Amino acid sequence: MQTLYSRPLTLRGLELKNRIFMAPMCQYSARDGMPGAWHLRHYVERAIGGVALVVIEATAVSPEGRISPADLGLWSDEHRDAFAPLVAAIHEAGAKVAVQLAHAGRKASTAVPWLGKGLVPEADGGWEVIGPSAARFDDSYPMPREMGPGDIERVELAFAAAARRAVEAGFDAVELHAAHGYLVHQFLSPLSNRRADGYGGSLEGRSRLLREIAPAVRGVLPDSMPLLARVSATDWIEGGWDVEECSATLNAVKAAGVDFVDVSSGGLSPAAKMPVGPGYQVGLASRVRAATGLPTGAVGLLTTPEQIEQALVTGSADAVSLGRLLLRDPYWPARQLPAEARTPPAQYLRAFA
């Protein structure tokens, strides 16, 4: 039976074979920002499994932009050259691939989750962290230094330089990470941005960093390459960043060349009361899509074909991103797609005969 999630999707000049994406999920398995054997196995297996677009996890635009010392990075040409074979392998396995460019801001220099999270001291390989204001995420996280004009300019240039390297490495798309309490989201939210200059205060000021990064990145991408953005549509805290502010900001960056928005939520503060449950963010995607007209992705505890199809049939989203489900079962998409929409590598055809 034909399903909406099995139909192709076009973003600018990029043809995607279906509407199932692999969500970016940090693996905390890099050395000096370089992808290695783990990343090759992890991402290629999901590409073989049938997703149309693999989105590589948060990849730092500068060393101090990493969440942890084990994060991926794209801040040098050596990183670009290390990514190129991974990109080629994902293509050979039948999927397109995007990279999520990120800066962790005040949530940087922390331990990998299975080692306890929290601050990594400089003596143990950590570093000074920066943010829109001198306000830490929680008591176990480092206190950020408030960014000055030079810091902001360097971050914007780093995003553009990393995007250029992504093009050179062969990626099919670039995604800006503006979600989950990392640097761009920190600027967007009035709960973390307490600045009194042109990058704080009003929505216009708080959104300025993203409104400057988006055209800078768009300017180094080929016209045919889509620019994606991942956002937290709400902080889930009264007085914080919300769907209305998110939609207004997305309308501004849409004009600057953003082609698709992946709608998530939360991550700005541990005080958030998130109503976590099956498909709990689909309604946010629907509201953003209606307010912006942007092609939109839904994500968050989508675990059945019926849930995914419903999100698309109702017009809440144009695609879905799967996360933990793909960690548990890399081949879930290939089994759920109708026979005529399955495109496994030739070596795997016998599995679906």
C-alpha atoms as a PDB file:
ATOM      1  CA  MET A   1       0.000   0.000   0.000  1.00  0.00           C
ATOM      2  CA  GLN A   2       1.334   3.425  -0.960  1.00  0.00           C
ATOM      3  CA  THR A   3       1.995   5.698   2.007  1.00  0.00           C
ATOM      4  CA  LEU A   4       2.841   9.367   2.277  1.00  0.00           C
ATOM      5  CA  TYR A   5       6.078   8.622   4.133  1.00  0.00           C
ATOM      6  CA  SER A   6       7.253   6.489   1.209  1.00  0.00           C
ATOM      7  CA  ARG A   7       6.827   9.300  -1.332  1.00  0.00           C
ATOM      8  CA  PRO A   8       9.802  11.373  -2.521  1.00  0.00           C
ATOM      9  CA  LEU A   9      10.494  14.856  -1.196  1.00  0.00           C
ATOM     10  CA  THR A  10      12.435  17.603  -2.977  1.00  0.00           C
ATOM     11  CA  LEU A  11      14.256  20.363  -1.072  1.00  0.00           C
ATOM     12  CA  ARG A  12      15.813  22.837  -3.505  1.00  0.00           C
ATOM     13  CA  GLY A  13      17.794  20.594  -5.845  1.00  0.00           C
ATOM     14  CA  LEU A  14      17.969  17.635  -3.472  1.00  0.00           C
ATOM     15  CA  GLU A  15      15.766  14.653  -4.299  1.00  0.00           C
ATOM     16  CA  LEU A  16      15.006  12.463  -1.273  1.00  0.00           C
ATOM     17  CA  LYS A  17      13.643   8.979  -1.944  1.00  0.00           C
ATOM     18  CA  ASN A  18      11.206   9.010   1.002  1.00  0.00           C
ATOM     19  CA  ARG A  19      10.263  11.170   3.984  1.00  0.00           C
ATOM     20  CA  ILE A  20      12.024   9.307   6.765  1.00  0.00           C
ATOM     21  CA  PHE A  21      15.140  11.018   8.110  1.00  0.00           C
ATOM     22  CA  MET A  22      17.680   9.882  10.680  1.00  0.00           C
ATOM     23  CA  ALA A  23      17.699  12.447  13.467  1.00  0.00           C
ATOM     24  CA  PRO A  24      21.071  13.806  14.619  1.00  0.00           C
ATOM     25  CA  MET A  25      22.124  11.979  17.781  1.00  0.00           C
ATOM     26  CA  CYS A  26      25.470  12.653  19.458  1.00  0.00           C
ATOM     27  CA  GLN A  27      27.681   9.571  19.677  1.00  0.00           C
ATOM     28  CA  TYR A  28      30.435  11.136  21.839  1.00  0.00           C
ATOM     29  CA  SER A  29      32.945   8.917  20.055  1.00  0.00           C
ATOM     30  CA  ALA A  30      35.288  11.298  18.234  1.00  0.00           C
ATOM     31  CA  ARG A  31      38.939  12.030  18.890  1.00  0.00           C
ATOM     32  CA  ASP A  32      39.963  15.639  18.341  1.00  0.00           C
ATOM     33  CA  GLY A  33      36.700  16.120  16.456  1.00  0.00           C
ATOM     34  CA  MET A  34      37.502  13.456  13.865  1.00  0.00           C
ATOM     35  CA  PRO A  35      35.006  10.804  12.713  1.00  0.00           C
ATOM     36  CA  GLY A  36      36.271   7.265  13.059  1.00  0.00           C
ATOM     37  CA  ALA A  37      35.353   3.605  12.701  1.00  0.00           C
ATOM     38  CA  TRP A  38      32.359   3.930  15.041  1.00  0.00           C
ATOM     39  CA  HIS A  39      30.797   6.684  12.944  1.00  0.00           C
ATOM     40  CA  LEU A  40      31.335   4.740   9.726  1.00  0.00           C
ATOM     41  CA  ARG A  41      29.539   1.688  11.098  1.00  0.00           C
ATOM     42  CA  HIS A  42      26.806   3.681  12.831  1.00  0.00           C
ATOM     43  CA  TYR A  43      25.766   5.923   9.951  1.00  0.00           C
ATOM     44  CA  VAL A  44      26.232   3.556   7.023  1.00  0.00           C
ATOM     45  CA  GLU A  45      24.122   0.896   8.732  1.00  0.00           C
ATOM     46  CA  ARG A  46      21.190   3.333   9.005  1.00  0.00           C
ATOM     47  CA  ALA A  47      21.657   4.368   5.390  1.00  0.00           C
ATOM     48  CA  ILE A  48      21.417   0.716   4.329  1.00  0.00           C
ATOM     49  CA  GLY A  49      18.324   0.497   6.540  1.00  0.00           C
ATOM     50  CA  GLY A  50      16.313   2.732   4.255  1.00  0.00           C
ATOM     51  CA  VAL A  51      16.260   6.317   5.541  1.00  0.00           C
ATOM     52  CA  ALA A  52      16.287   8.974   2.847  1.00  0.00           C
ATOM     53  CA  LEU A  53      18.474  11.453   4.732  1.00  0.00           C
ATOM     54  CA  VAL A  54      21.094  10.778   7.374  1.00  0.00           C
ATOM     55  CA  VAL A  55      21.710  13.857   9.516  1.00  0.00           C
ATOM     56  CA  ILE A  56      25.128  13.631  11.133  1.00  0.00           C
ATOM     57  CA  GLU A  57      25.143  14.545  14.818  1.00  0.00           C
ATOM     58  CA  ALA A  58      26.034  17.980  16.233  1.00  0.00           C
ATOM     59  CA  THR A  59      29.378  18.851  14.647  1.00  0.00           C
ATOM     60  CA  ALA A  60      31.193  21.749  16.244  1.00  0.00           C
ATOM     61  CA  VAL A  61      32.251  24.740  14.183  1.00  0.00           C
ATOM     62  CA  SER A  62      35.126  25.427  16.600  1.00  0.00           C
ATOM     63  CA  PRO A  63      36.945  23.413  19.280  1.00  0.00           C
ATOM     64  CA  GLU A  64      35.293  25.353  22.116  1.00  0.00           C
ATOM     65  CA  GLY A  65      31.898  24.759  20.483  1.00  0.00           C
ATOM     66  CA  ARG A  66      31.944  21.048  21.334  1.00  0.00           C
ATOM     67  CA  ILE A  67      29.552  19.730  23.952  1.00  0.00           C
ATOM     68  CA  SER A  68      32.243  17.348  25.164  1.00  0.00           C
ATOM     69  CA  PRO A  69      35.858  16.546  24.266  1.00  0.00           C
ATOM     70  CA  ALA A  70      34.461  13.531  22.344  1.00  0.00           C
ATOM     71  CA  ASP A  71      32.292  15.532  19.913  1.00  0.00           C
ATOM     72  CA  LEU A  72      32.714  15.739  16.159  1.00  0.00           C
ATOM     73  CA  GLY A  73      34.048  18.924  14.579  1.00  0.00           C
ATOM     74  CA  LEU A  74      34.459  20.594  11.211  1.00  0.00           C
ATOM     75  CA  TRP A  75      36.747  23.465  12.153  1.00  0.00           C
ATOM     76  CA  SER A  76      39.683  22.515   9.921  1.00  0.00           C
ATOM     77  CA  ASP A  77      40.428  21.146   6.476  1.00  0.00           C
ATOM     78  CA  GLU A  78      41.752  17.993   8.162  1.00  0.00           C
ATOM     79  CA  HIS A  79      38.259  17.399   9.547  1.00  0.00           C
ATOM     80  CA  ARG A  80      36.798  17.970   6.080  1.00  0.00           C
ATOM     81  CA  ASP A  81      39.116  15.333   4.635  1.00  0.00           C
ATOM     82  CA  ALA A  82      38.196  12.872   7.395  1.00  0.00           C
ATOM     83  CA  PHE A  83      34.473  13.318   6.699  1.00  0.00           C
ATOM     84  CA  ALA A  84      34.735  12.785   2.943  1.00  0.00           C
ATOM     85  CA  PRO A  85      35.056   8.942   3.079  1.00  0.00           C
ATOM     86  CA  LEU A  86      32.112   8.748   5.507  1.00  0.00           C
ATOM     87  CA  VAL A  87      29.956  10.849   3.179  1.00  0.00           C
ATOM     88  CA  ALA A  88      30.930   8.672   0.216  1.00  0.00           C
ATOM     89  CA  ALA A  89      30.086   5.479   2.137  1.00  0.00           C
ATOM     90  CA  ILE A  90      26.643   6.792   3.090  1.00  0.00           C
ATOM     91  CA  HIS A  91      25.994   7.664  -0.552  1.00  0.00           C
ATOM     92  CA  GLU A  92      27.077   4.189  -1.632  1.00  0.00           C
ATOM     93  CA  ALA A  93      24.631   2.729   0.899  1.00  0.00           C
ATOM     94  CA  GLY A  94      21.759   4.584  -0.771  1.00  0.00           C
ATOM     95  CA  ALA A  95      21.061   7.664   1.364  1.00  0.00           C
ATOM     96  CA  LYS A  96      21.704  11.383   1.194  1.00  0.00           C
ATOM     97  CA  VAL A  97      23.571  13.009   4.067  1.00  0.00           C
ATOM     98  CA  ALA A  98      23.471  16.313   5.926  1.00  0.00           C
ATOM     99  CA  VAL A  99      25.685  17.626   8.706  1.00  0.00           C
ATOM    100  CA  GLN A 100      24.325  19.494  11.701  1.00  0.00           C
ATOM    101  CA  LEU A 101      26.632  22.438  12.431  1.00  0.00           C
ATOM    102  CA  ALA A 102      26.628  23.440  16.070  1.00  0.00           C
ATOM    103  CA  HIS A 103      28.121  25.445  18.890  1.00  0.00           C
ATOM    104  CA  ALA A 104      27.315  24.341  22.435  1.00  0.00           C
ATOM    105  CA  GLY A 105      27.846  27.711  24.124  1.00  0.00           C
ATOM    106  CA  ARG A 106      27.291  27.441  27.871  1.00  0.00           C
ATOM    107  CA  LYS A 107      26.628  23.684  27.565  1.00  0.00           C
ATOM    108  CA  ALA A 108      30.163  23.034  26.299  1.00  0.00           C
ATOM    109  CA  SER A 109      33.153  21.450  28.062  1.00  0.00           C
ATOM    110  CA  THR A 110      31.048  18.767  29.718  1.00  0.00           C
ATOM    111  CA  ALA A 111      31.609  15.049  30.202  1.00  0.00           C
ATOM    112  CA  VAL A 112      30.040  12.451  27.924  1.00  0.00           C
ATOM    113  CA  PRO A 113      26.703  11.217  29.357  1.00  0.00           C
ATOM    114  CA  TRP A 114      27.876   7.771  30.457  1.00  0.00           C
ATOM    115  CA  LEU A 115      30.731   9.406  32.394  1.00  0.00           C
ATOM    116  CA  GLY A 116      28.377  11.594  34.399  1.00  0.00           C
ATOM    117  CA  LYS A 117      27.934  14.798  32.391  1.00  0.00           C
ATOM    118  CA  GLY A 118      28.836  17.997  34.239  1.00  0.00           C
ATOM    119  CA  LEU A 119      31.886  20.243  33.955  1.00  0.00           C
ATOM    120  CA  VAL A 120      35.156  18.994  32.494  1.00  0.00           C
ATOM    121  CA  PRO A 121      37.901  21.148  34.106  1.00  0.00           C
ATOM    122  CA  GLU A 122      40.559  22.669  31.880  1.00  0.00           C
ATOM    123  CA  ALA A 123      43.149  20.507  33.661  1.00  0.00           C
ATOM    124  CA  ASP A 124      41.301  17.425  32.363  1.00  0.00           C
ATOM    125  CA  GLY A 125      40.939  18.609  28.768  1.00  0.00           C
ATOM    126  CA  GLY A 126      38.125  21.118  29.214  1.00  0.00           C
ATOM    127  CA  TRP A 127      38.090  24.762  28.145  1.00  0.00           C
ATOM    128  CA  GLU A 128      36.617  28.176  28.841  1.00  0.00           C
ATOM    129  CA  VAL A 129      33.002  28.332  27.685  1.00  0.00           C
ATOM    130  CA  ILE A 130      31.128  31.284  26.235  1.00  0.00           C
ATOM    131  CA  GLY A 131      27.487  32.268  26.026  1.00  0.00           C
ATOM    132  CA  PRO A 132      25.172  35.219  25.492  1.00  0.00           C
ATOM    133  CA  SER A 133      25.297  35.979  29.226  1.00  0.00           C
ATOM    134  CA  ALA A 134      27.157  34.895  32.338  1.00  0.00           C
ATOM    135  CA  ALA A 135      24.468  32.409  33.379  1.00  0.00           C
ATOM    136  CA  ARG A 136      25.174  28.700  33.663  1.00  0.00           C
ATOM    137  CA  PHE A 137      22.824  25.886  32.584  1.00  0.00           C
ATOM    138  CA  ASP A 138      22.803  24.415  36.091  1.00  0.00           C
ATOM    139  CA  ASP A 139      25.154  24.156  39.055  1.00  0.00           C
ATOM    140  CA  SER A 140      27.073  21.225  37.580  1.00  0.00           C
ATOM    141  CA  TYR A 141      27.833  23.066  34.334  1.00  0.00           C
ATOM    142  CA  PRO A 142      30.587  25.647  33.722  1.00  0.00           C
ATOM    143  CA  MET A 143      29.943  29.366  34.149  1.00  0.00           C
ATOM    144  CA  PRO A 144      30.124  30.944  30.668  1.00  0.00           C
ATOM    145  CA  ARG A 145      31.922  34.148  29.853  1.00  0.00           C
ATOM    146  CA  GLU A 146      29.589  36.657  28.224  1.00  0.00           C
ATOM    147  CA  MET A 147      30.473  36.981  24.559  1.00  0.00           C
ATOM    148  CA  GLY A 148      31.782  40.252  23.234  1.00  0.00           C
ATOM    149  CA  PRO A 149      31.430  41.551  19.670  1.00  0.00           C
ATOM    150  CA  GLY A 150      34.614  39.763  18.609  1.00  0.00           C
ATOM    151  CA  ASP A 151      33.359  36.436  19.958  1.00  0.00           C
ATOM    152  CA  ILE A 152      30.101  36.808  18.055  1.00  0.00           C
ATOM    153  CA  GLU A 153      31.900  37.637  14.822  1.00  0.00           C
ATOM    154  CA  ARG A 154      34.218  34.639  15.225  1.00  0.00           C
ATOM    155  CA  VAL A 155      31.260  32.294  15.768  1.00  0.00           C
ATOM    156  CA  GLU A 156      29.484  33.580  12.669  1.00  0.00           C
ATOM    157  CA  LEU A 157      32.626  33.186  10.567  1.00  0.00           C
ATOM    158  CA  ALA A 158      33.153  29.693  11.989  1.00  0.00           C
ATOM    159  CA  PHE A 159      29.671  28.578  10.934  1.00  0.00           C
ATOM    160  CA  ALA A 160      30.267  29.821   7.392  1.00  0.00           C
ATOM    161  CA  ALA A 161      33.726  28.215   7.204  1.00  0.00           C
ATOM    162  CA  ALA A 162      32.388  24.871   8.471  1.00  0.00           C
ATOM    163  CA  ALA A 163      29.575  25.012   5.901  1.00  0.00           C
ATOM    164  CA  ARG A 164      32.112  25.590   3.136  1.00  0.00           C
ATOM    165  CA  ARG A 165      34.038  22.527   4.295  1.00  0.00           C
ATOM    166  CA  ALA A 166      30.804  20.509   4.346  1.00  0.00           C
ATOM    167  CA  VAL A 167      30.281  21.346   0.681  1.00  0.00           C
ATOM    168  CA  GLU A 168      33.860  20.334  -0.106  1.00  0.00           C
ATOM    169  CA  ALA A 169      33.417  17.042   1.790  1.00  0.00           C
ATOM    170  CA  GLY A 170      30.449  16.134  -0.403  1.00  0.00           C
ATOM    171  CA  PHE A 171      27.531  16.620   1.968  1.00  0.00           C
ATOM    172  CA  ASP A 172      24.106  17.043   0.359  1.00  0.00           C
ATOM    173  CA  ALA A 173      22.728  19.534   2.907  1.00  0.00           C
ATOM    174  CA  VAL A 174      23.693  21.572   5.958  1.00  0.00           C
ATOM    175  CA  GLU A 175      21.604  21.926   9.104  1.00  0.00           C
ATOM    176  CA  LEU A 176      21.957  24.788  11.592  1.00  0.00           C
ATOM    177  CA  HIS A 177      21.546  23.656  15.200  1.00  0.00           C
ATOM    178  CA  ALA A 178      19.335  26.260  16.875  1.00  0.00           C
ATOM    179  CA  ALA A 179      17.726  23.899  19.394  1.00  0.00           C
ATOM    180  CA  HIS A 180      18.137  22.098  22.711  1.00  0.00           C
ATOM    181  CA  GLY A 181      19.728  24.894  24.707  1.00  0.00           C
ATOM    182  CA  TYR A 182      22.906  25.226  22.672  1.00  0.00           C
ATOM    183  CA  LEU A 183      24.427  28.553  21.682  1.00  0.00           C
ATOM    184  CA  VAL A 184      21.967  29.807  19.056  1.00  0.00           C
ATOM    185  CA  HIS A 185      19.010  28.778  21.234  1.00  0.00           C
ATOM    186  CA  GLN A 186      20.691  30.460  24.210  1.00  0.00           C
ATOM    187  CA  PHE A 187      20.635  33.727  22.290  1.00  0.00           C
ATOM    188  CA  LEU A 188      17.014  33.224  21.228  1.00  0.00           C
ATOM    189  CA  SER A 189      15.574  32.610  24.691  1.00  0.00           C
ATOM    190  CA  PRO A 190      15.004  35.494  27.141  1.00  0.00           C
ATOM    191  CA  LEU A 191      15.725  33.023  29.952  1.00  0.00           C
ATOM    192  CA  SER A 192      19.391  32.642  28.934  1.00  0.00           C
ATOM    193  CA  ASN A 193      19.962  35.884  27.004  1.00  0.00           C
ATOM    194  CA  ARG A 194      20.199  38.820  29.428  1.00  0.00           C
ATOM    195  CA  ARG A 195      22.186  41.104  27.180  1.00  0.00           C
ATOM    196  CA  ALA A 196      21.572  44.846  26.946  1.00  0.00           C
ATOM    197  CA  ASP A 197      23.150  45.324  23.496  1.00  0.00           C
ATOM    198  CA  GLY A 198      21.874  44.676  19.967  1.00  0.00           C
ATOM    199  CA  TYR A 199      21.978  40.899  20.488  1.00  0.00           C
ATOM    200  CA  GLY A 200      19.603  40.885  23.451  1.00  0.00           C
ATOM    201  CA  GLY A 201      16.373  42.297  24.791  1.00  0.00           C
ATOM    202  CA  SER A 202      13.679  42.277  22.107  1.00  0.00           C
ATOM    203  CA  LEU A 203      12.994  39.371  19.784  1.00  0.00           C
ATOM    204  CA  GLU A 204      14.800  41.289  17.045  1.00  0.00           C
ATOM    205  CA  GLY A 205      17.918  41.456  19.208  1.00  0.00           C
ATOM    206  CA  ARG A 206      17.759  37.890  20.524  1.00  0.00           C
ATOM    207  CA  SER A 207      17.240  36.466  17.030  1.00  0.00           C
ATOM    208  CA  ARG A 208      20.017  38.547  15.486  1.00  0.00           C
ATOM    209  CA  LEU A 209      22.703  35.857  15.797  1.00  0.00           C
ATOM    210  CA  LEU A 210      20.616  33.314  13.895  1.00  0.00           C
ATOM    211  CA  ARG A 211      19.513  35.953  11.378  1.00  0.00           C
ATOM    212  CA  GLU A 212      23.195  36.684  10.678  1.00  0.00           C
ATOM    213  CA  ILE A 213      24.419  33.076  10.644  1.00  0.00           C
ATOM    214  CA  ALA A 214      21.737  31.883   8.198  1.00  0.00           C
ATOM    215  CA  PRO A 215      22.657  34.185   5.268  1.00  0.00           C
ATOM    216  CA  ALA A 216      26.380  33.739   5.988  1.00  0.00           C
ATOM    217  CA  VAL A 217      25.989  29.965   5.625  1.00  0.00           C
ATOM    218  CA  ARG A 218      23.579  30.239   2.697  1.00  0.00           C
ATOM    219  CA  GLY A 219      26.184  32.367   0.924  1.00  0.00           C
ATOM    220  CA  VAL A 220      28.757  29.546   0.799  1.00  0.00           C
ATOM    221  CA  LEU A 221      26.326  26.818  -0.301  1.00  0.00           C
ATOM    222  CA  PRO A 222      25.535  26.004  -3.926  1.00  0.00           C
ATOM    223  CA  ASP A 223      22.110  27.245  -5.015  1.00  0.00           C
ATOM    224  CA  SER A 224      20.946  23.638  -5.347  1.00  0.00           C
ATOM    225  CA  MET A 225      21.913  22.638  -1.785  1.00  0.00           C
ATOM    226  CA  PRO A 226      19.207  22.952   0.883  1.00  0.00           C
ATOM    227  CA  LEU A 227      19.844  24.704   4.181  1.00  0.00           C
ATOM    228  CA  LEU A 228      17.998  23.132   7.103  1.00  0.00           C
ATOM    229  CA  ALA A 229      17.482  24.366  10.641  1.00  0.00           C
ATOM    230  CA  ARG A 230      16.649  22.499  13.832  1.00  0.00           C
ATOM    231  CA  VAL A 231      14.761  24.517  16.407  1.00  0.00           C
ATOM    232  CA  SER A 232      13.277  24.099  19.835  1.00  0.00           C
ATOM    233  CA  ALA A 233       9.825  25.579  19.252  1.00  0.00           C
ATOM    234  CA  THR A 234       9.348  26.238  22.967  1.00  0.00           C
ATOM    235  CA  ASP A 235      11.319  26.214  26.209  1.00  0.00           C
ATOM    236  CA  TRP A 236       8.292  24.714  28.010  1.00  0.00           C
ATOM    237  CA  ILE A 237       8.737  27.438  30.635  1.00  0.00           C
ATOM    238  CA  GLU A 238       6.427  30.418  31.139  1.00  0.00           C
ATOM    239  CA  GLY A 239       8.146  33.600  29.999  1.00  0.00           C
ATOM    240  CA  GLY A 240      10.587  31.716  27.786  1.00  0.00           C
ATOM    241  CA  TRP A 241      11.000  31.175  24.069  1.00  0.00           C
ATOM    242  CA  ASP A 242       7.713  30.056  22.529  1.00  0.00           C
ATOM    243  CA  VAL A 243       6.078  28.957  19.278  1.00  0.00           C
ATOM    244  CA  GLU A 244       5.068  32.479  18.294  1.00  0.00           C
ATOM    245  CA  GLU A 245       8.590  33.877  18.648  1.00  0.00           C
ATOM    246  CA  CYS A 246      10.012  30.793  16.961  1.00  0.00           C
ATOM    247  CA  SER A 247       7.694  31.163  13.967  1.00  0.00           C
ATOM    248  CA  ALA A 248       8.421  34.868  13.581  1.00  0.00           C
ATOM    249  CA  THR A 249      12.166  34.176  13.603  1.00  0.00           C
ATOM    250  CA  LEU A 250      11.823  31.344  11.117  1.00  0.00           C
ATOM    251  CA  ASN A 251       9.953  33.632   8.737  1.00  0.00           C
ATOM    252  CA  ALA A 252      12.980  35.947   8.853  1.00  0.00           C
ATOM    253  CA  VAL A 253      15.523  33.186   8.163  1.00  0.00           C
ATOM    254  CA  LYS A 254      13.249  31.687   5.496  1.00  0.00           C
ATOM    255  CA  ALA A 255      13.791  34.918   3.599  1.00  0.00           C
ATOM    256  CA  ALA A 256      17.542  34.426   4.114  1.00  0.00           C
ATOM    257  CA  GLY A 257      17.470  31.017   2.442  1.00  0.00           C
ATOM    258  CA  VAL A 258      16.499  28.389   5.033  1.00  0.00           C
ATOM    259  CA  ASP A 259      14.560  25.668   3.191  1.00  0.00           C
ATOM    260  CA  PHE A 260      13.381  23.232   5.887  1.00  0.00           C
ATOM    261  CA  VAL A 261      12.847  23.293   9.644  1.00  0.00           C
ATOM    262  CA  ASP A 262      13.058  20.297  11.973  1.00  0.00           C
ATOM    263  CA  VAL A 263      10.857  21.093  14.971  1.00  0.00           C
ATOM    264  CA  SER A 264      11.955  19.831  18.370  1.00  0.00           C
ATOM    265  CA  SER A 265      11.615  21.486  21.795  1.00  0.00           C
ATOM    266  CA  GLY A 266      13.160  22.076  25.201  1.00  0.00           C
ATOM    267  CA  GLY A 267      16.772  21.723  26.307  1.00  0.00           C
ATOM    268  CA  LEU A 268      17.213  25.326  27.473  1.00  0.00           C
ATOM    269  CA  SER A 269      16.712  24.735  31.182  1.00  0.00           C
ATOM    270  CA  PRO A 270      16.441  21.750  33.531  1.00  0.00           C
ATOM    271  CA  ALA A 271      13.369  23.494  34.993  1.00  0.00           C
ATOM    272  CA  ALA A 272      11.320  22.747  31.861  1.00  0.00           C
ATOM    273  CA  LYS A 273       8.165  20.678  32.309  1.00  0.00           C
ATOM    274  CA  MET A 274       8.034  18.764  29.036  1.00  0.00           C
ATOM    275  CA  PRO A 275       4.895  16.687  28.366  1.00  0.00           C
ATOM    276  CA  VAL A 276       6.874  13.778  26.973  1.00  0.00           C
ATOM    277  CA  GLY A 277       4.795  11.106  25.282  1.00  0.00           C
ATOM    278  CA  PRO A 278       4.197   9.507  21.874  1.00  0.00           C
ATOM    279  CA  GLY A 279       4.336  12.157  19.169  1.00  0.00           C
ATOM    280  CA  TYR A 280       4.353  14.961  21.739  1.00  0.00           C
ATOM    281  CA  GLN A 281       6.076  17.447  19.408  1.00  0.00           C
ATOM    282  CA  VAL A 282       3.969  16.872  16.281  1.00  0.00           C
ATOM    283  CA  GLY A 283       1.562  19.634  17.320  1.00  0.00           C
ATOM    284  CA  LEU A 284       4.474  22.072  17.532  1.00  0.00           C
ATOM    285  CA  ALA A 285       5.580  21.133  14.023  1.00  0.00           C
ATOM    286  CA  SER A 286       2.036  21.702  12.798  1.00  0.00           C
ATOM    287  CA  ARG A 287       1.871  25.181  14.315  1.00  0.00           C
ATOM    288  CA  VAL A 288       5.266  26.182  12.911  1.00  0.00           C
ATOM    289  CA  ARG A 289       4.379  24.849   9.466  1.00  0.00           C
ATOM    290  CA  ALA A 290       1.105  26.769   9.419  1.00  0.00           C
ATOM    291  CA  ALA A 291       2.773  30.003  10.553  1.00  0.00           C
ATOM    292  CA  THR A 292       5.780  29.884   8.211  1.00  0.00           C
ATOM    293  CA  GLY A 293       4.874  27.806   5.170  1.00  0.00           C
ATOM    294  CA  LEU A 294       8.259  26.116   5.477  1.00  0.00           C
ATOM    295  CA  PRO A 295       8.620  22.419   4.725  1.00  0.00           C
ATOM    296  CA  THR A 296       8.677  20.975   8.226  1.00  0.00           C
ATOM    297  CA  GLY A 297       9.915  17.895  10.026  1.00  0.00           C
ATOM    298  CA  ALA A 298       8.364  16.283  13.078  1.00  0.00           C
ATOM    299  CA  VAL A 299      10.419  14.409  15.647  1.00  0.00           C
ATOM    300  CA  GLY A 300      10.020  12.887  19.094  1.00  0.00           C
ATOM    301  CA  LEU A 301       8.785   9.422  20.139  1.00  0.00           C
ATOM    302  CA  LEU A 302       7.422   8.540  16.724  1.00  0.00           C
ATOM    303  CA  THR A 303       7.602   4.749  16.790  1.00  0.00           C
ATOM    304  CA  THR A 304       4.861   3.313  14.571  1.00  0.00           C
ATOM    305  CA  PRO A 305       4.002   3.581  10.872  1.00  0.00           C
ATOM    306  CA  GLU A 306       0.552   4.825  11.869  1.00  0.00           C
ATOM    307  CA  GLN A 307       1.968   7.726  13.903  1.00  0.00           C
ATOM    308  CA  ILE A 308       4.295   8.732  11.086  1.00  0.00           C
ATOM    309  CA  GLU A 309       1.623   8.534   8.416  1.00  0.00           C
ATOM    310  CA  GLN A 310      -0.797  10.537  10.576  1.00  0.00           C
ATOM    311  CA  ALA A 311       1.718  13.364  10.994  1.00  0.00           C
ATOM    312  CA  LEU A 312       2.006  13.633   7.221  1.00  0.00           C
ATOM    313  CA  VAL A 313      -1.628  13.018   6.274  1.00  0.00           C
ATOM    314  CA  THR A 314      -2.859  15.736   8.633  1.00  0.00           C
ATOM    315  CA  GLY A 315      -0.416  18.252   7.192  1.00  0.00           C
ATOM    316  CA  SER A 316       1.462  18.603  10.472  1.00  0.00           C
ATOM    317  CA  ALA A 317       4.781  17.847   8.776  1.00  0.00           C
ATOM    318  CA  ASP A 318       6.400  17.050   5.436  1.00  0.00           C
ATOM    319  CA  ALA A 319       8.893  14.534   6.837  1.00  0.00           C
ATOM    320  CA  VAL A 320       9.708  12.777  10.099  1.00  0.00           C
ATOM    321  CA  SER A 321      13.001  12.273  11.910  1.00  0.00           C
ATOM    322  CA  LEU A 322      13.547   9.049  13.817  1.00  0.00           C
ATOM    323  CA  GLY A 323      16.020   8.838  16.679  1.00  0.00           C
ATOM    324  CA  ARG A 324      16.009   6.152  19.360  1.00  0.00           C
ATOM    325  CA  LEU A 325      13.930   3.877  17.153  1.00  0.00           C
ATOM    326  CA  LEU A 326      16.818   3.735  14.661  1.00  0.00           C
ATOM    327  CA  LEU A 327      19.322   3.066  17.436  1.00  0.00           C
ATOM    328  CA  ARG A 328      17.284   0.011  18.365  1.00  0.00           C
ATOM    329  CA  ASP A 329      16.533  -1.088  14.811  1.00  0.00           C
ATOM    330  CA  PRO A 330      18.542   0.365  11.893  1.00  0.00           C
ATOM    331  CA  TYR A 331      16.430  -1.542   9.357  1.00  0.00           C
ATOM    332  CA  TRP A 332      13.010  -0.430  10.581  1.00  0.00           C
ATOM    333  CA  PRO A 333      12.384   1.887   7.581  1.00  0.00           C
ATOM    334  CA  ALA A 334      13.159  -0.792   4.996  1.00  0.00           C
ATOM    335  CA  ARG A 335      10.668  -3.158   6.608  1.00  0.00           C
ATOM    336  CA  GLN A 336       7.920  -0.524   6.845  1.00  0.00           C
ATOM    337  CA  LEU A 337       8.240   0.935   3.352  1.00  0.00           C
ATOM    338  CA  PRO A 338       6.009  -0.632   0.711  1.00  0.00           C
ATOM    339  CA  ALA A 339       7.823  -3.009  -1.617  1.00  0.00           C
ATOM    340  CA  GLU A 340       7.841  -0.578  -4.539  1.00  0.00           C
ATOM    341  CA  ALA A 341       9.536   2.099  -2.397  1.00  0.00           C
ATOM    342  CA  ARG A 342      12.312  -0.045  -0.972  1.00  0.00           C
ATOM    343  CA  THR A 343      15.728   0.710  -2.407  1.00  0.00           C
ATOM    344  CA  PRO A 344      18.264  -1.398  -0.509  1.00  0.00           C
ATOM    345  CA  PRO A 345      21.763  -1.787  -1.922  1.00  0.00           C
ATOM    346  CA  ALA A 346      22.001  -4.627  -4.424  1.00  0.00           C
ATOM    347  CA  GLN A 347      23.907  -6.695  -1.866  1.00  0.00           C
ATOM    348  CA  TYR A 348      20.821  -6.650   0.406  1.00  0.00           C
ATOM    349  CA  LEU A 349      18.060  -7.214  -2.159  1.00  0.00           C
ATOM    350  CA  ARG A 350      17.632 -10.856  -1.149  1.00  0.00           C
ATOM    351  CA  ALA A 351      16.584  -9.746   2.349  1.00  0.00           C
ATOM    352  CA  PHE A 352      13.461  -8.067   0.960  1.00  0.00           C
ATOM    353  CA  ALA A 353      12.549 -10.455  -1.845  1.00  0.00           C
END
